Amino acid sequence: MTATKNAIVTGSSRGIGAAIAQKLAEQGYNVCLNCSRESGLDHLRQVAADLEERFGVRAVCCAANVAVPEEAQRLIDTCVEELGSVDVLVNNAGITKDGLAVRMKDEDFDAVISVNLKGTFNCCKAAAAKMMKQRFGRIVNMSSVVGVAGNAGQVNYAASKAGVIGITKSLAKELAARNITVNAVAPGFIATDMTDALSDAQKGAISERIAAKRFGEAEEVAALVGFLASEQAAYITGQVICIDGGMAL
């Protein structure tokens, strides 16, 4: 397979990000994988090698902290230099530092906003400049059901993910005339390393709050992102699509 378009997936070493990178590679995209630190590159290169072997695409790696504007710019530039263009950007990188608002440390609030919200903006800004020149692009920002409905103990995370929705809707209006779509995906509870840390009792209590009575799979989120990145989604922009099993109904 010869890929003709190129995608960046931030935070793609594992979990939802890795599943999204796999789905895009399966759809024929070359992929630029990202982790935040140099120490994560060995694992990321293994992910890249697996994608190249399985799907016949090119997969390159870049360690960059998207919260830092210069590093976000370097990530976008790396994709263009190594693969030739950036056609799809998936802003998946994110962190949590949970705690009740009255006890939350300022640095924990700032860190989550910096990575989740400012990091998304940094990458959007750098990628949009490239996409506007080529008059094509797909941007998919990872929000959360928490950004839609809120959640006790996650004021910082909820604020960051609600902000991502604001970025999405505003950029969609700015970029639509250049054939660039901008959408947000808002997952609920998805089976990942993060949710695996929950006890069986916690998982059971959460599942009872979900209409579908189960956690979602990373591959289900990836399938939605893959559709939004495709030509079939060309007339969808500025939307926030919850993939939460009916949790936020």
Protein backbone atom coordinates (compact mmCIF):
# COMPACT_ATOMS: atom_id res chain seq x y z
CA MET A 1 0.00 0.00 0.00
CA THR A 2 1.26 3.47 -0.88
CA ALA A 3 -0.11 6.08 1.48
CA THR A 4 -0.93 9.46 -0.02
CA LYS A 5 -1.92 11.33 3.13
CA ASN A 6 -0.21 11.85 6.44
CA ALA A 7 -1.55 12.03 9.99
CA ILE A 8 -0.18 13.13 13.36
CA VAL A 9 -1.52 11.54 16.54
CA THR A 10 -0.30 13.13 19.74
CA GLY A 11 0.06 10.91 22.80
CA SER A 12 0.08 7.81 20.61
CA SER A 13 2.32 5.39 22.50
CA ARG A 14 -0.54 3.46 24.10
CA GLY A 15 -4.25 3.39 24.85
CA ILE A 16 -6.64 5.43 22.73
CA GLY A 17 -3.81 7.23 20.92
CA ALA A 18 -2.18 3.99 19.79
CA ALA A 19 -5.56 2.63 18.67
CA ILE A 20 -6.19 5.78 16.63
CA ALA A 21 -2.76 5.56 15.00
CA GLN A 22 -3.49 1.94 14.09
CA LYS A 23 -6.88 2.79 12.61
CA LEU A 24 -5.43 5.58 10.47
CA ALA A 25 -2.60 3.32 9.29
CA GLU A 26 -5.19 0.69 8.43
CA GLN A 27 -7.00 3.35 6.37
CA GLY A 28 -3.77 4.04 4.48
CA TYR A 29 -2.33 7.07 6.23
CA ASN A 30 1.34 7.47 6.97
CA VAL A 31 1.52 8.36 10.65
CA CYS A 32 3.66 10.58 12.82
CA LEU A 33 3.60 9.20 16.35
CA ASN A 34 4.25 11.33 19.41
CA CYS A 35 5.25 10.97 23.04
CA SER A 36 6.12 13.75 25.46
CA ARG A 37 9.61 12.64 26.50
CA GLU A 38 12.74 11.21 24.87
CA SER A 39 12.53 8.33 27.35
CA GLY A 40 9.39 7.11 25.61
CA LEU A 41 10.91 6.87 22.15
CA ASP A 42 12.05 3.24 22.36
CA HIS A 43 8.49 2.06 22.98
CA LEU A 44 7.12 4.46 20.37
CA ARG A 45 9.53 3.09 17.76
CA GLN A 46 8.21 -0.41 18.46
CA VAL A 47 4.68 0.85 17.81
CA ALA A 48 5.88 2.49 14.59
CA ALA A 49 7.66 -0.66 13.38
CA ASP A 50 4.53 -2.72 14.01
CA LEU A 51 2.37 -0.32 11.98
CA GLU A 52 4.82 -0.31 9.08
CA GLU A 53 5.00 -4.11 9.02
CA ARG A 54 1.25 -4.67 9.31
CA PHE A 55 -0.08 -1.94 7.05
CA GLY A 56 2.74 -1.04 4.66
CA VAL A 57 2.72 2.65 5.59
CA ARG A 58 5.48 4.89 6.88
CA ALA A 59 5.52 5.62 10.60
CA VAL A 60 7.85 8.21 12.13
CA CYS A 61 8.32 9.19 15.76
CA CYS A 62 8.77 12.53 17.50
CA ALA A 63 9.22 13.23 21.20
CA ALA A 64 7.67 16.63 21.89
CA ASN A 65 5.85 18.20 24.82
CA VAL A 66 2.86 19.78 23.10
CA ALA A 67 2.36 22.17 26.03
CA VAL A 68 5.47 24.02 24.81
CA PRO A 69 4.71 26.01 21.63
CA GLU A 70 8.17 25.47 20.14
CA GLU A 71 7.95 21.72 20.66
CA ALA A 72 4.46 21.55 19.18
CA GLN A 73 5.78 23.42 16.15
CA ARG A 74 8.69 20.97 15.89
CA LEU A 75 6.22 18.07 15.90
CA ILE A 76 4.28 19.53 12.99
CA ASP A 77 7.49 20.39 11.13
CA THR A 78 8.81 16.85 11.64
CA CYS A 79 5.71 15.38 10.03
CA VAL A 80 6.04 17.69 7.03
CA GLU A 81 9.79 17.12 6.66
CA GLU A 82 9.61 13.33 7.06
CA LEU A 83 6.32 12.55 5.32
CA GLY A 84 5.68 15.55 3.06
CA SER A 85 2.54 17.12 4.57
CA VAL A 86 0.19 17.11 7.53
CA ASP A 87 -3.30 16.22 6.38
CA VAL A 88 -4.79 14.96 9.64
CA LEU A 89 -4.08 16.10 13.18
CA VAL A 90 -5.48 14.18 16.14
CA ASN A 91 -4.92 16.00 19.44
CA ASN A 92 -5.01 13.10 21.87
CA ALA A 93 -2.23 13.95 24.36
CA GLY A 94 -3.61 14.58 27.82
CA ILE A 95 -3.00 14.18 31.54
CA THR A 96 -5.06 14.05 34.73
CA LYS A 97 -4.28 15.35 38.21
CA ASP A 98 -7.54 14.77 40.05
CA GLY A 99 -8.65 16.20 43.37
CA LEU A 100 -11.45 18.14 45.00
CA ALA A 101 -11.39 21.80 44.03
CA VAL A 102 -10.89 23.10 47.58
CA ARG A 103 -7.78 20.95 47.96
CA MET A 104 -6.39 21.22 44.43
CA LYS A 105 -2.86 22.57 44.15
CA ASP A 106 -2.35 25.46 41.76
CA GLU A 107 0.37 23.54 39.95
CA ASP A 108 -1.98 20.58 39.37
CA PHE A 109 -4.62 22.85 37.86
CA ASP A 110 -2.05 24.62 35.69
CA ALA A 111 -0.38 21.39 34.49
CA VAL A 112 -3.65 19.89 33.22
CA ILE A 113 -4.68 23.12 31.47
CA SER A 114 -1.21 23.44 29.97
CA VAL A 115 -1.12 20.00 28.36
CA ASN A 116 -4.77 19.35 27.58
CA LEU A 117 -5.92 22.80 26.50
CA LYS A 118 -2.86 24.83 25.56
CA GLY A 119 -1.25 21.76 23.99
CA THR A 120 -4.27 21.29 21.76
CA PHE A 121 -4.17 24.96 20.77
CA ASN A 122 -0.42 24.85 20.08
CA CYS A 123 -0.75 21.90 17.72
CA CYS A 124 -3.86 23.29 16.02
CA LYS A 125 -2.15 26.62 15.42
CA ALA A 126 0.97 25.05 13.91
CA ALA A 127 -0.91 22.51 11.80
CA ALA A 128 -3.55 24.97 10.57
CA ALA A 129 -0.87 27.13 9.00
CA LYS A 130 0.25 24.14 6.88
CA MET A 131 -3.28 22.99 6.11
CA MET A 132 -4.43 26.44 4.98
CA LYS A 133 -1.67 26.57 2.36
CA GLN A 134 -2.61 23.16 0.97
CA ARG A 135 -6.34 23.95 1.31
CA PHE A 136 -7.11 20.66 3.00
CA GLY A 137 -7.08 19.25 6.48
CA ARG A 138 -8.83 17.25 9.15
CA ILE A 139 -8.41 18.17 12.83
CA VAL A 140 -9.90 15.92 15.52
CA ASN A 141 -9.59 17.11 19.10
CA MET A 142 -10.06 14.70 21.98
CA SER A 143 -12.42 16.21 24.53
CA SER A 144 -14.27 14.12 27.13
CA VAL A 145 -17.75 13.50 28.47
CA VAL A 146 -16.35 15.23 31.57
CA GLY A 147 -15.95 18.38 29.48
CA VAL A 148 -19.63 18.15 28.56
CA ALA A 149 -21.17 17.13 31.88
CA GLY A 150 -18.51 17.87 34.52
CA ASN A 151 -17.31 15.47 37.22
CA ALA A 152 -16.60 15.84 40.91
CA GLY A 153 -12.88 15.79 41.63
CA GLN A 154 -11.92 16.82 38.10
CA VAL A 155 -12.39 20.58 37.95
CA ASN A 156 -9.09 21.03 36.11
CA TYR A 157 -9.70 18.18 33.66
CA ALA A 158 -13.29 19.25 33.01
CA ALA A 159 -12.20 22.84 32.39
CA SER A 160 -9.49 21.73 29.98
CA LYS A 161 -11.81 19.45 28.01
CA ALA A 162 -14.60 22.03 27.91
CA GLY A 163 -12.02 24.47 26.58
CA VAL A 164 -11.12 22.01 23.85
CA ILE A 165 -14.74 22.16 22.72
CA GLY A 166 -14.49 25.94 22.51
CA ILE A 167 -11.31 25.71 20.45
CA THR A 168 -12.99 23.18 18.16
CA LYS A 169 -16.06 25.26 17.44
CA SER A 170 -14.11 28.48 16.92
CA LEU A 171 -11.49 26.93 14.64
CA ALA A 172 -14.19 25.18 12.62
CA LYS A 173 -15.60 28.59 11.73
CA GLU A 174 -12.18 30.02 10.93
CA LEU A 175 -11.01 27.16 8.71
CA ALA A 176 -14.07 25.76 6.91
CA ALA A 177 -13.57 27.94 3.83
CA ARG A 178 -10.15 26.31 3.32
CA ASN A 179 -11.61 22.78 3.22
CA ILE A 180 -10.43 22.07 6.77
CA THR A 181 -12.80 20.40 9.21
CA VAL A 182 -12.40 20.60 12.98
CA ASN A 183 -14.36 18.25 15.23
CA ALA A 184 -14.18 16.99 18.80
CA VAL A 185 -14.66 13.50 20.15
CA ALA A 186 -15.83 13.19 23.75
CA PRO A 187 -15.19 9.70 25.11
CA GLY A 188 -16.77 8.40 28.30
CA PHE A 189 -15.16 5.61 30.29
CA ILE A 190 -12.93 3.63 27.95
CA ALA A 191 -11.01 0.47 28.84
CA THR A 192 -7.39 1.65 29.03
CA ASP A 193 -4.43 1.39 31.40
CA MET A 194 -5.93 4.33 33.31
CA THR A 195 -9.28 2.67 33.94
CA ASP A 196 -7.63 -0.70 34.61
CA ALA A 197 -6.34 0.84 37.83
CA LEU A 198 -9.91 1.07 39.15
CA SER A 199 -11.16 -1.63 41.48
CA ASP A 200 -13.85 -4.06 40.37
CA ALA A 201 -16.27 -2.32 42.71
CA GLN A 202 -15.48 1.07 41.17
CA LYS A 203 -15.87 -0.32 37.65
CA GLY A 204 -19.21 -1.85 38.58
CA ALA A 205 -20.52 1.39 40.08
CA ILE A 206 -19.45 3.36 37.01
CA SER A 207 -20.99 0.82 34.62
CA GLU A 208 -24.33 1.26 36.35
CA ARG A 209 -24.25 4.94 35.37
CA ILE A 210 -23.77 4.05 31.70
CA ALA A 211 -26.83 3.22 29.60
CA ALA A 212 -24.87 0.53 27.72
CA LYS A 213 -23.73 -0.95 31.09
CA ARG A 214 -20.12 -1.33 29.97
CA PHE A 215 -16.91 0.58 29.33
CA GLY A 216 -16.07 1.44 25.75
CA GLU A 217 -13.11 0.04 23.82
CA ALA A 218 -10.24 2.14 22.47
CA GLU A 219 -10.92 0.67 19.03
CA GLU A 220 -14.46 2.07 19.11
CA VAL A 221 -13.11 5.56 19.70
CA ALA A 222 -10.53 5.03 16.97
CA ALA A 223 -13.22 4.04 14.48
CA LEU A 224 -15.04 7.33 15.08
CA VAL A 225 -11.84 9.32 14.66
CA GLY A 226 -11.06 7.40 11.49
CA PHE A 227 -14.42 8.37 10.05
CA LEU A 228 -14.01 12.05 10.94
CA ALA A 229 -10.61 12.00 9.22
CA SER A 230 -12.06 10.51 6.04
CA GLU A 231 -13.46 12.06 2.89
CA GLN A 232 -16.91 10.81 3.91
CA ALA A 233 -16.91 13.34 6.78
CA ALA A 234 -16.12 16.36 4.60
CA TYR A 235 -19.37 18.15 5.52
CA ILE A 236 -19.07 17.58 9.27
CA THR A 237 -17.32 20.35 11.18
CA GLY A 238 -17.57 22.08 14.53
CA GLN A 239 -19.27 19.07 16.10
CA VAL A 240 -18.78 17.41 19.48
CA ILE A 241 -19.56 13.70 19.29
CA CYS A 242 -19.94 11.86 22.58
CA ILE A 243 -18.87 8.21 22.52
CA ASP A 244 -19.91 7.25 26.02
CA GLY A 245 -22.45 4.44 25.83
CA GLY A 246 -25.21 6.88 26.73
CA MET A 247 -23.59 8.08 29.95
CA ALA A 248 -24.31 11.78 29.35
CA LEU A 249 -27.91 11.34 28.22
